[in-house]
Amino acid sequence: MYLNSEKKQELFNAHGISKSKTDTGSPESQIALFTYRIKHLTEHLKGQKKDFSTQTGLLKLVGKRKKLLNYLQKVNIDRYRAVLTDLDLRK
């Protein structure tokens, strides 16, 4: 599987706000996880253009990430900017 528990822990440790192993609910760590999954699904769809169920799942993930980014922008603009630069996202 492309996303095992070790990879998730690595993402959470690298992008969580408190940098602890149990920090899985912070917006930063969730955005990092969604970004990793979006990149993987985008690569899959480059080869499988007619996989519409994966395309639907990808669009849902993009929407969830957008909602989290909007929330983070409203709550703390500094953390929002840090996430954008850390994950190479643009808005």
C-alpha atoms as a PDB file:
ATOM      1  CA  MET A   1       0.000   0.000   0.000  1.00  0.00           C
ATOM      2  CA  TYR A   2       1.242   3.470  -0.791  1.00  0.00           C
ATOM      3  CA  LEU A   3       0.413   4.978   2.599  1.00  0.00           C
ATOM      4  CA  ASN A   4       1.355   2.829   5.556  1.00  0.00           C
ATOM      5  CA  SER A   5       1.398   3.787   9.219  1.00  0.00           C
ATOM      6  CA  GLU A   6       5.111   4.652   9.173  1.00  0.00           C
ATOM      7  CA  LYS A   7       4.601   7.137   6.319  1.00  0.00           C
ATOM      8  CA  LYS A   8       1.647   8.708   8.161  1.00  0.00           C
ATOM      9  CA  GLN A   9       3.718   9.091  11.323  1.00  0.00           C
ATOM     10  CA  GLU A  10       6.496  10.688   9.289  1.00  0.00           C
ATOM     11  CA  LEU A  11       4.035  13.194   7.794  1.00  0.00           C
ATOM     12  CA  PHE A  12       2.498  13.975  11.173  1.00  0.00           C
ATOM     13  CA  ASN A  13       5.889  14.427  12.821  1.00  0.00           C
ATOM     14  CA  ALA A  14       7.115  16.703  10.051  1.00  0.00           C
ATOM     15  CA  HIS A  15       4.040  18.909   9.731  1.00  0.00           C
ATOM     16  CA  GLY A  16       2.213  18.754  13.056  1.00  0.00           C
ATOM     17  CA  ILE A  17       2.064  21.892  15.148  1.00  0.00           C
ATOM     18  CA  SER A  18       3.309  20.310  18.373  1.00  0.00           C
ATOM     19  CA  LYS A  19       5.682  17.917  16.607  1.00  0.00           C
ATOM     20  CA  SER A  20       4.469  15.001  18.717  1.00  0.00           C
ATOM     21  CA  LYS A  21       3.507  11.511  17.618  1.00  0.00           C
ATOM     22  CA  THR A  22      -0.073  11.929  18.774  1.00  0.00           C
ATOM     23  CA  ASP A  23      -0.695  15.147  16.831  1.00  0.00           C
ATOM     24  CA  THR A  24      -2.937  13.801  14.083  1.00  0.00           C
ATOM     25  CA  GLY A  25      -5.800  16.266  14.372  1.00  0.00           C
ATOM     26  CA  SER A  26      -4.087  19.584  13.770  1.00  0.00           C
ATOM     27  CA  PRO A  27      -5.001  21.295  10.502  1.00  0.00           C
ATOM     28  CA  GLU A  28      -1.359  21.333   9.422  1.00  0.00           C
ATOM     29  CA  SER A  29      -0.954  17.578   9.735  1.00  0.00           C
ATOM     30  CA  GLN A  30      -4.289  16.889   8.032  1.00  0.00           C
ATOM     31  CA  ILE A  31      -3.415  19.229   5.158  1.00  0.00           C
ATOM     32  CA  ALA A  32      -0.053  17.466   4.775  1.00  0.00           C
ATOM     33  CA  LEU A  33      -1.779  14.072   4.661  1.00  0.00           C
ATOM     34  CA  PHE A  34      -4.353  15.272   2.124  1.00  0.00           C
ATOM     35  CA  THR A  35      -1.597  16.792  -0.022  1.00  0.00           C
ATOM     36  CA  TYR A  36       0.320  13.513  -0.049  1.00  0.00           C
ATOM     37  CA  ARG A  37      -2.814  11.590  -1.046  1.00  0.00           C
ATOM     38  CA  ILE A  38      -3.712  14.171  -3.722  1.00  0.00           C
ATOM     39  CA  LYS A  39      -0.262  13.883  -5.292  1.00  0.00           C
ATOM     40  CA  HIS A  40      -0.534  10.099  -5.347  1.00  0.00           C
ATOM     41  CA  LEU A  41      -3.995  10.114  -6.936  1.00  0.00           C
ATOM     42  CA  THR A  42      -2.911  12.707  -9.501  1.00  0.00           C
ATOM     43  CA  GLU A  43      -0.067  10.446 -10.610  1.00  0.00           C
ATOM     44  CA  HIS A  44      -2.484   7.511 -10.817  1.00  0.00           C
ATOM     45  CA  LEU A  45      -4.916   9.473 -12.963  1.00  0.00           C
ATOM     46  CA  LYS A  46      -2.196  10.446 -15.434  1.00  0.00           C
ATOM     47  CA  GLY A  47      -2.043   6.814 -16.519  1.00  0.00           C
ATOM     48  CA  GLN A  48      -5.681   5.859 -15.932  1.00  0.00           C
ATOM     49  CA  LYS A  49      -7.681   8.645 -17.527  1.00  0.00           C
ATOM     50  CA  LYS A  50     -11.054   6.869 -17.335  1.00  0.00           C
ATOM     51  CA  ASP A  51     -10.931   5.988 -13.637  1.00  0.00           C
ATOM     52  CA  PHE A  52     -13.865   8.166 -12.657  1.00  0.00           C
ATOM     53  CA  SER A  53     -14.293   6.841  -9.119  1.00  0.00           C
ATOM     54  CA  THR A  54     -10.721   7.846  -8.309  1.00  0.00           C
ATOM     55  CA  GLN A  55     -11.346  11.208  -9.939  1.00  0.00           C
ATOM     56  CA  THR A  56     -14.371  11.720  -7.690  1.00  0.00           C
ATOM     57  CA  GLY A  57     -12.319  10.817  -4.618  1.00  0.00           C
ATOM     58  CA  LEU A  58      -9.592  13.212  -5.707  1.00  0.00           C
ATOM     59  CA  LEU A  59     -12.052  16.081  -6.031  1.00  0.00           C
ATOM     60  CA  LYS A  60     -13.432  15.336  -2.559  1.00  0.00           C
ATOM     61  CA  LEU A  61      -9.921  15.402  -1.094  1.00  0.00           C
ATOM     62  CA  VAL A  62      -9.178  18.716  -2.798  1.00  0.00           C
ATOM     63  CA  GLY A  63     -12.384  20.145  -1.322  1.00  0.00           C
ATOM     64  CA  LYS A  64     -11.525  18.935   2.180  1.00  0.00           C
ATOM     65  CA  ARG A  65      -8.038  20.411   1.921  1.00  0.00           C
ATOM     66  CA  LYS A  66      -9.464  23.707   0.689  1.00  0.00           C
ATOM     67  CA  LYS A  67     -11.861  23.876   3.645  1.00  0.00           C
ATOM     68  CA  LEU A  68      -9.017  23.219   6.085  1.00  0.00           C
ATOM     69  CA  LEU A  69      -6.862  25.869   4.422  1.00  0.00           C
ATOM     70  CA  ASN A  70      -9.704  28.399   4.638  1.00  0.00           C
ATOM     71  CA  TYR A  71     -10.196  27.548   8.316  1.00  0.00           C
ATOM     72  CA  LEU A  72      -6.498  27.927   9.045  1.00  0.00           C
ATOM     73  CA  GLN A  73      -6.418  31.239   7.191  1.00  0.00           C
ATOM     74  CA  LYS A  74      -9.237  32.584   9.372  1.00  0.00           C
ATOM     75  CA  VAL A  75      -7.806  31.304  12.644  1.00  0.00           C
ATOM     76  CA  ASN A  76      -4.082  31.997  12.294  1.00  0.00           C
ATOM     77  CA  ILE A  77      -2.623  33.595   9.189  1.00  0.00           C
ATOM     78  CA  ASP A  78       0.992  32.864  10.207  1.00  0.00           C
ATOM     79  CA  ARG A  79       0.384  29.116  10.461  1.00  0.00           C
ATOM     80  CA  TYR A  80      -1.493  29.291   7.139  1.00  0.00           C
ATOM     81  CA  ARG A  81       1.447  30.930   5.388  1.00  0.00           C
ATOM     82  CA  ALA A  82       3.854  28.448   6.966  1.00  0.00           C
ATOM     83  CA  VAL A  83       1.825  25.530   5.615  1.00  0.00           C
ATOM     84  CA  LEU A  84       1.694  27.033   2.129  1.00  0.00           C
ATOM     85  CA  THR A  85       5.450  27.503   1.982  1.00  0.00           C
ATOM     86  CA  ASP A  86       6.230  24.170   3.641  1.00  0.00           C
ATOM     87  CA  LEU A  87       4.083  22.098   1.261  1.00  0.00           C
ATOM     88  CA  ASP A  88       4.720  24.238  -1.840  1.00  0.00           C
ATOM     89  CA  LEU A  89       1.051  25.079  -2.248  1.00  0.00           C
ATOM     90  CA  ARG A  90      -0.351  28.172  -3.857  1.00  0.00           C
ATOM     91  CA  LYS A  91      -3.716  29.770  -3.518  1.00  0.00           C
END
